[in-house]
Amino acid sequence: MIGKLKGVLDSIGTDSAIIDVQGVGYVIFAPARVLSRLPGVGEAVTLSIETVVREDMIRLYGFETESERDWFRALQSVQGVGAKVAMEILSVLSVDDVASAVAMQDHAAVVRAKGVGPKLAKRIVAELKDRAPASATIIPIGTAIKGGAAPHIAPEIIAKADAVSALMNLGYPEAQAAAAISEALRRLDEGAEVKLLIREGLKELSQ
């Protein structure tokens, strides 16, 4: 099994790249987010690898971090999610986005991925709540995160969690509140403050 590859980037395709490791070209399938951040052709590259073996094929999937690879594995533990769907999810959502969606049961965020309908998205966020990778940071809804209490958590995730919690305190169901804030975030910058997110979320809920 291959767990990591270090070599030179030979070429990049629509859903894969070829890494030259001492004269051997490995075809590495990767999420669009990973491919977009690869260095230029001819430059050194290192990727964490997940080797998937099937009866009729062996495929290598590449990720920038072990956390991405862990989520790739976790996503496939959900019924109806194979490697292709897991790749699509990680192409549109960062690992922090996935963790946030799971924590807030925000299936609307997961539906953005190609091939993921509302029913499957709900199953993903529900089942991964108890199966998140050990490397994941899951913020429970309703938990107040004060400045300095969790410095390793991205500010935008904290703001989103706090905004959802605020709407829930106003009496809105968890799923409805999370969907409204997710929609608000699509219209606003990622660095939007909690007050603005709450205001825009309320506008979304009033429609």
C-alpha atoms as a PDB file:
ATOM      1  CA  MET A   1       0.000   0.000   0.000  1.00  0.00           C
ATOM      2  CA  ILE A   2       1.189   3.505  -0.826  1.00  0.00           C
ATOM      3  CA  GLY A   3       0.647   6.113   1.892  1.00  0.00           C
ATOM      4  CA  LYS A   4       2.653   9.054   0.571  1.00  0.00           C
ATOM      5  CA  LEU A   5       4.325  10.105  -2.653  1.00  0.00           C
ATOM      6  CA  LYS A   6       7.168  12.599  -3.081  1.00  0.00           C
ATOM      7  CA  GLY A   7       8.236  13.461  -6.589  1.00  0.00           C
ATOM      8  CA  VAL A   8       7.990  15.963  -9.410  1.00  0.00           C
ATOM      9  CA  LEU A   9       4.713  17.118 -10.940  1.00  0.00           C
ATOM     10  CA  ASP A  10       4.628  15.858 -14.520  1.00  0.00           C
ATOM     11  CA  SER A  11       1.152  17.012 -15.612  1.00  0.00           C
ATOM     12  CA  ILE A  12      -2.317  17.946 -14.369  1.00  0.00           C
ATOM     13  CA  GLY A  13      -5.633  16.762 -15.835  1.00  0.00           C
ATOM     14  CA  THR A  14      -9.273  17.532 -15.010  1.00  0.00           C
ATOM     15  CA  ASP A  15      -9.494  15.060 -12.142  1.00  0.00           C
ATOM     16  CA  SER A  16      -5.955  13.736 -11.755  1.00  0.00           C
ATOM     17  CA  ALA A  17      -2.264  14.495 -11.927  1.00  0.00           C
ATOM     18  CA  ILE A  18       0.834  12.505 -12.806  1.00  0.00           C
ATOM     19  CA  ILE A  19       3.700  12.557 -10.331  1.00  0.00           C
ATOM     20  CA  ASP A  20       7.108  11.413 -11.527  1.00  0.00           C
ATOM     21  CA  VAL A  21       8.861   9.462  -8.780  1.00  0.00           C
ATOM     22  CA  GLN A  22      12.358   8.541  -9.942  1.00  0.00           C
ATOM     23  CA  GLY A  23      11.228   7.943 -13.493  1.00  0.00           C
ATOM     24  CA  VAL A  24       7.933   6.225 -12.694  1.00  0.00           C
ATOM     25  CA  GLY A  25       4.774   8.243 -13.411  1.00  0.00           C
ATOM     26  CA  TYR A  26       1.979   7.676 -10.894  1.00  0.00           C
ATOM     27  CA  VAL A  27      -1.554   8.728 -11.858  1.00  0.00           C
ATOM     28  CA  ILE A  28      -3.073  10.373  -8.780  1.00  0.00           C
ATOM     29  CA  PHE A  29      -6.766  11.194  -8.639  1.00  0.00           C
ATOM     30  CA  ALA A  30      -7.493  14.189  -6.424  1.00  0.00           C
ATOM     31  CA  PRO A  31     -10.274  16.636  -5.459  1.00  0.00           C
ATOM     32  CA  ALA A  32     -10.446  19.804  -7.547  1.00  0.00           C
ATOM     33  CA  ARG A  33      -9.402  21.853  -4.499  1.00  0.00           C
ATOM     34  CA  VAL A  34      -6.180  19.841  -4.251  1.00  0.00           C
ATOM     35  CA  LEU A  35      -5.415  19.976  -7.976  1.00  0.00           C
ATOM     36  CA  SER A  36      -5.895  23.751  -8.035  1.00  0.00           C
ATOM     37  CA  ARG A  37      -3.241  24.209  -5.357  1.00  0.00           C
ATOM     38  CA  LEU A  38      -0.548  21.992  -6.872  1.00  0.00           C
ATOM     39  CA  PRO A  39       2.754  23.669  -7.801  1.00  0.00           C
ATOM     40  CA  GLY A  40       3.825  24.198 -11.389  1.00  0.00           C
ATOM     41  CA  VAL A  41       4.803  21.346 -13.698  1.00  0.00           C
ATOM     42  CA  GLY A  42       8.379  20.287 -13.007  1.00  0.00           C
ATOM     43  CA  GLU A  43       8.251  21.340  -9.358  1.00  0.00           C
ATOM     44  CA  ALA A  44       8.493  19.108  -6.291  1.00  0.00           C
ATOM     45  CA  VAL A  45       5.247  17.854  -4.796  1.00  0.00           C
ATOM     46  CA  THR A  46       4.273  15.669  -1.828  1.00  0.00           C
ATOM     47  CA  LEU A  47       0.821  14.146  -1.359  1.00  0.00           C
ATOM     48  CA  SER A  48      -0.777  11.879   1.218  1.00  0.00           C
ATOM     49  CA  ILE A  49      -2.123   8.865  -0.647  1.00  0.00           C
ATOM     50  CA  GLU A  50      -5.119   6.597  -0.195  1.00  0.00           C
ATOM     51  CA  THR A  51      -4.741   3.367  -2.160  1.00  0.00           C
ATOM     52  CA  VAL A  52      -8.066   1.890  -3.244  1.00  0.00           C
ATOM     53  CA  VAL A  53      -7.973  -1.689  -4.487  1.00  0.00           C
ATOM     54  CA  ARG A  54     -10.892  -3.175  -6.426  1.00  0.00           C
ATOM     55  CA  GLU A  55     -11.217  -6.463  -8.283  1.00  0.00           C
ATOM     56  CA  ASP A  56     -10.678  -4.729 -11.608  1.00  0.00           C
ATOM     57  CA  MET A  57      -8.431  -1.798 -10.681  1.00  0.00           C
ATOM     58  CA  ILE A  58      -6.040  -0.101  -8.302  1.00  0.00           C
ATOM     59  CA  ARG A  59      -6.381   3.667  -7.882  1.00  0.00           C
ATOM     60  CA  LEU A  60      -4.348   6.199  -5.960  1.00  0.00           C
ATOM     61  CA  TYR A  61      -6.108   9.233  -4.457  1.00  0.00           C
ATOM     62  CA  GLY A  62      -3.997  12.190  -3.373  1.00  0.00           C
ATOM     63  CA  PHE A  63      -4.484  14.839  -0.699  1.00  0.00           C
ATOM     64  CA  GLU A  64      -2.524  17.783   0.639  1.00  0.00           C
ATOM     65  CA  THR A  65      -3.016  16.738   4.260  1.00  0.00           C
ATOM     66  CA  GLU A  66      -3.691  13.591   6.241  1.00  0.00           C
ATOM     67  CA  SER A  67      -6.871  15.265   7.518  1.00  0.00           C
ATOM     68  CA  GLU A  68      -8.250  15.413   3.969  1.00  0.00           C
ATOM     69  CA  ARG A  69      -7.396  11.766   3.509  1.00  0.00           C
ATOM     70  CA  ASP A  70      -9.094  10.897   6.823  1.00  0.00           C
ATOM     71  CA  TRP A  71     -12.299  12.637   5.729  1.00  0.00           C
ATOM     72  CA  PHE A  72     -12.125  10.856   2.368  1.00  0.00           C
ATOM     73  CA  ARG A  73     -12.147   7.571   4.264  1.00  0.00           C
ATOM     74  CA  ALA A  74     -14.871   8.675   6.692  1.00  0.00           C
ATOM     75  CA  LEU A  75     -17.190   9.854   3.925  1.00  0.00           C
ATOM     76  CA  GLN A  76     -17.036   6.445   2.275  1.00  0.00           C
ATOM     77  CA  SER A  77     -18.232   4.809   5.488  1.00  0.00           C
ATOM     78  CA  VAL A  78     -21.662   6.285   4.723  1.00  0.00           C
ATOM     79  CA  GLN A  79     -23.971   4.083   2.672  1.00  0.00           C
ATOM     80  CA  GLY A  80     -24.261   5.432  -0.864  1.00  0.00           C
ATOM     81  CA  VAL A  81     -20.951   7.304  -0.777  1.00  0.00           C
ATOM     82  CA  GLY A  82     -18.148   5.860  -2.844  1.00  0.00           C
ATOM     83  CA  ALA A  83     -14.785   7.290  -3.808  1.00  0.00           C
ATOM     84  CA  LYS A  84     -16.279   9.398  -6.619  1.00  0.00           C
ATOM     85  CA  VAL A  85     -18.872  11.107  -4.410  1.00  0.00           C
ATOM     86  CA  ALA A  86     -16.346  11.599  -1.604  1.00  0.00           C
ATOM     87  CA  MET A  87     -14.046  13.300  -4.111  1.00  0.00           C
ATOM     88  CA  GLU A  88     -16.851  15.576  -5.295  1.00  0.00           C
ATOM     89  CA  ILE A  89     -17.605  16.611  -1.710  1.00  0.00           C
ATOM     90  CA  LEU A  90     -13.972  17.399  -0.984  1.00  0.00           C
ATOM     91  CA  SER A  91     -13.766  19.303  -4.260  1.00  0.00           C
ATOM     92  CA  VAL A  92     -16.323  21.893  -3.118  1.00  0.00           C
ATOM     93  CA  LEU A  93     -15.862  21.761   0.673  1.00  0.00           C
ATOM     94  CA  SER A  94     -12.698  22.082   2.738  1.00  0.00           C
ATOM     95  CA  VAL A  95     -12.250  19.722   5.685  1.00  0.00           C
ATOM     96  CA  ASP A  96     -13.277  22.592   7.971  1.00  0.00           C
ATOM     97  CA  ASP A  97     -16.431  23.077   5.889  1.00  0.00           C
ATOM     98  CA  VAL A  98     -17.269  19.371   6.148  1.00  0.00           C
ATOM     99  CA  ALA A  99     -16.680  19.379   9.910  1.00  0.00           C
ATOM    100  CA  SER A 100     -18.866  22.461  10.257  1.00  0.00           C
ATOM    101  CA  ALA A 101     -21.649  20.895   8.180  1.00  0.00           C
ATOM    102  CA  VAL A 102     -21.543  17.738  10.302  1.00  0.00           C
ATOM    103  CA  ALA A 103     -21.499  19.663  13.580  1.00  0.00           C
ATOM    104  CA  MET A 104     -24.475  21.794  12.588  1.00  0.00           C
ATOM    105  CA  GLN A 105     -26.244  19.059  10.624  1.00  0.00           C
ATOM    106  CA  ASP A 106     -26.168  21.434   7.662  1.00  0.00           C
ATOM    107  CA  HIS A 107     -27.052  19.116   4.800  1.00  0.00           C
ATOM    108  CA  ALA A 108     -27.598  22.117   2.513  1.00  0.00           C
ATOM    109  CA  ALA A 109     -23.834  22.682   2.425  1.00  0.00           C
ATOM    110  CA  VAL A 110     -23.185  19.094   1.314  1.00  0.00           C
ATOM    111  CA  VAL A 111     -25.806  19.233  -1.448  1.00  0.00           C
ATOM    112  CA  ARG A 112     -23.473  21.627  -3.288  1.00  0.00           C
ATOM    113  CA  ALA A 113     -21.369  18.618  -4.288  1.00  0.00           C
ATOM    114  CA  LYS A 114     -22.111  17.022  -7.653  1.00  0.00           C
ATOM    115  CA  GLY A 115     -24.076  13.803  -7.320  1.00  0.00           C
ATOM    116  CA  VAL A 116     -25.284  14.493  -3.759  1.00  0.00           C
ATOM    117  CA  GLY A 117     -29.031  14.934  -3.321  1.00  0.00           C
ATOM    118  CA  PRO A 118     -30.847  16.144  -0.172  1.00  0.00           C
ATOM    119  CA  LYS A 119     -31.551  12.608   1.083  1.00  0.00           C
ATOM    120  CA  LEU A 120     -27.929  11.484   0.811  1.00  0.00           C
ATOM    121  CA  ALA A 121     -26.670  14.775   2.252  1.00  0.00           C
ATOM    122  CA  LYS A 122     -28.864  14.328   5.335  1.00  0.00           C
ATOM    123  CA  ARG A 123     -27.545  10.792   5.780  1.00  0.00           C
ATOM    124  CA  ILE A 124     -23.949  11.998   5.488  1.00  0.00           C
ATOM    125  CA  VAL A 125     -24.178  14.700   8.161  1.00  0.00           C
ATOM    126  CA  ALA A 126     -26.230  12.453  10.453  1.00  0.00           C
ATOM    127  CA  GLU A 127     -23.962   9.408  10.273  1.00  0.00           C
ATOM    128  CA  LEU A 128     -20.661  11.288  10.379  1.00  0.00           C
ATOM    129  CA  LYS A 129     -21.619  13.041  13.608  1.00  0.00           C
ATOM    130  CA  ASP A 130     -20.429   9.908  15.414  1.00  0.00           C
ATOM    131  CA  ARG A 131     -17.820   8.823  12.868  1.00  0.00           C
ATOM    132  CA  ALA A 132     -15.778  11.965  12.308  1.00  0.00           C
ATOM    133  CA  PRO A 133     -12.023  11.368  11.951  1.00  0.00           C
ATOM    134  CA  ALA A 134      -9.932  11.751  15.085  1.00  0.00           C
ATOM    135  CA  SER A 135      -8.185  14.700  13.409  1.00  0.00           C
ATOM    136  CA  ALA A 136     -11.468  16.586  12.920  1.00  0.00           C
ATOM    137  CA  THR A 137     -12.637  19.537  14.954  1.00  0.00           C
ATOM    138  CA  ILE A 138     -16.384  19.208  15.525  1.00  0.00           C
ATOM    139  CA  ILE A 139     -18.072  22.168  17.218  1.00  0.00           C
ATOM    140  CA  PRO A 140     -21.299  21.155  18.992  1.00  0.00           C
ATOM    141  CA  ILE A 141     -24.217  23.461  18.237  1.00  0.00           C
ATOM    142  CA  GLY A 142     -25.151  25.599  21.194  1.00  0.00           C
ATOM    143  CA  THR A 143     -21.633  25.566  22.601  1.00  0.00           C
ATOM    144  CA  ALA A 144     -20.434  29.125  23.139  1.00  0.00           C
ATOM    145  CA  ILE A 145     -16.914  29.600  21.832  1.00  0.00           C
ATOM    146  CA  LYS A 146     -15.292  32.620  23.411  1.00  0.00           C
ATOM    147  CA  GLY A 147     -12.214  34.388  22.148  1.00  0.00           C
ATOM    148  CA  GLY A 148      -9.066  32.472  23.012  1.00  0.00           C
ATOM    149  CA  ALA A 149     -10.920  29.310  24.072  1.00  0.00           C
ATOM    150  CA  ALA A 150     -10.237  27.506  20.796  1.00  0.00           C
ATOM    151  CA  PRO A 151      -7.547  29.388  18.851  1.00  0.00           C
ATOM    152  CA  HIS A 152      -7.020  26.497  16.400  1.00  0.00           C
ATOM    153  CA  ILE A 153     -10.568  26.749  15.039  1.00  0.00           C
ATOM    154  CA  ALA A 154     -11.087  28.945  11.985  1.00  0.00           C
ATOM    155  CA  PRO A 155     -12.934  32.210  12.889  1.00  0.00           C
ATOM    156  CA  GLU A 156     -15.484  31.745  10.099  1.00  0.00           C
ATOM    157  CA  ILE A 157     -16.516  28.363  11.520  1.00  0.00           C
ATOM    158  CA  ILE A 158     -16.921  29.854  14.988  1.00  0.00           C
ATOM    159  CA  ALA A 159     -19.026  32.691  13.555  1.00  0.00           C
ATOM    160  CA  LYS A 160     -21.226  30.242  11.668  1.00  0.00           C
ATOM    161  CA  ALA A 161     -21.727  28.052  14.739  1.00  0.00           C
ATOM    162  CA  ASP A 162     -22.580  31.052  16.914  1.00  0.00           C
ATOM    163  CA  ALA A 163     -25.039  32.417  14.340  1.00  0.00           C
ATOM    164  CA  VAL A 164     -26.832  29.073  14.059  1.00  0.00           C
ATOM    165  CA  SER A 165     -26.964  28.822  17.852  1.00  0.00           C
ATOM    166  CA  ALA A 166     -28.478  32.313  18.038  1.00  0.00           C
ATOM    167  CA  LEU A 167     -31.245  31.426  15.580  1.00  0.00           C
ATOM    168  CA  MET A 168     -31.969  28.241  17.520  1.00  0.00           C
ATOM    169  CA  ASN A 169     -32.304  30.324  20.675  1.00  0.00           C
ATOM    170  CA  LEU A 170     -34.957  32.328  18.825  1.00  0.00           C
ATOM    171  CA  GLY A 171     -36.930  29.127  18.345  1.00  0.00           C
ATOM    172  CA  TYR A 172     -35.922  28.005  14.859  1.00  0.00           C
ATOM    173  CA  PRO A 173     -35.235  24.279  14.312  1.00  0.00           C
ATOM    174  CA  GLU A 174     -31.564  23.293  14.030  1.00  0.00           C
ATOM    175  CA  ALA A 175     -31.694  22.188  10.398  1.00  0.00           C
ATOM    176  CA  GLN A 176     -33.639  25.280   9.315  1.00  0.00           C
ATOM    177  CA  ALA A 177     -31.258  27.622  11.147  1.00  0.00           C
ATOM    178  CA  ALA A 178     -28.168  25.927   9.681  1.00  0.00           C
ATOM    179  CA  ALA A 179     -29.587  26.073   6.139  1.00  0.00           C
ATOM    180  CA  ALA A 180     -30.407  29.784   6.517  1.00  0.00           C
ATOM    181  CA  ILE A 181     -26.920  30.667   7.741  1.00  0.00           C
ATOM    182  CA  SER A 182     -25.317  28.591   4.982  1.00  0.00           C
ATOM    183  CA  GLU A 183     -27.353  30.506   2.406  1.00  0.00           C
ATOM    184  CA  ALA A 184     -26.374  33.800   4.043  1.00  0.00           C
ATOM    185  CA  LEU A 185     -22.695  32.815   3.862  1.00  0.00           C
ATOM    186  CA  ARG A 186     -22.983  32.197   0.135  1.00  0.00           C
ATOM    187  CA  ARG A 187     -24.010  35.833  -0.317  1.00  0.00           C
ATOM    188  CA  LEU A 188     -21.496  37.292   2.134  1.00  0.00           C
ATOM    189  CA  ASP A 189     -17.745  37.171   2.628  1.00  0.00           C
ATOM    190  CA  GLU A 190     -16.386  34.291   4.718  1.00  0.00           C
ATOM    191  CA  GLY A 191     -15.197  36.827   7.291  1.00  0.00           C
ATOM    192  CA  ALA A 192     -18.713  38.160   7.948  1.00  0.00           C
ATOM    193  CA  GLU A 193     -19.394  38.948  11.622  1.00  0.00           C
ATOM    194  CA  VAL A 194     -21.912  37.012  13.671  1.00  0.00           C
ATOM    195  CA  LYS A 195     -24.388  39.930  13.886  1.00  0.00           C
ATOM    196  CA  LEU A 196     -24.467  40.256  10.112  1.00  0.00           C
ATOM    197  CA  LEU A 197     -24.873  36.507   9.664  1.00  0.00           C
ATOM    198  CA  ILE A 198     -27.795  36.472  12.097  1.00  0.00           C
ATOM    199  CA  ARG A 199     -29.481  39.407  10.341  1.00  0.00           C
ATOM    200  CA  GLU A 200     -29.066  37.838   6.913  1.00  0.00           C
ATOM    201  CA  GLY A 201     -30.165  34.465   8.272  1.00  0.00           C
ATOM    202  CA  LEU A 202     -33.370  36.006   9.601  1.00  0.00           C
ATOM    203  CA  LYS A 203     -34.023  37.562   6.198  1.00  0.00           C
ATOM    204  CA  GLU A 204     -33.608  34.130   4.626  1.00  0.00           C
ATOM    205  CA  LEU A 205     -36.026  32.579   7.123  1.00  0.00           C
ATOM    206  CA  SER A 206     -38.635  35.271   6.503  1.00  0.00           C
ATOM    207  CA  GLN A 207     -38.880  34.513   2.789  1.00  0.00           C
END
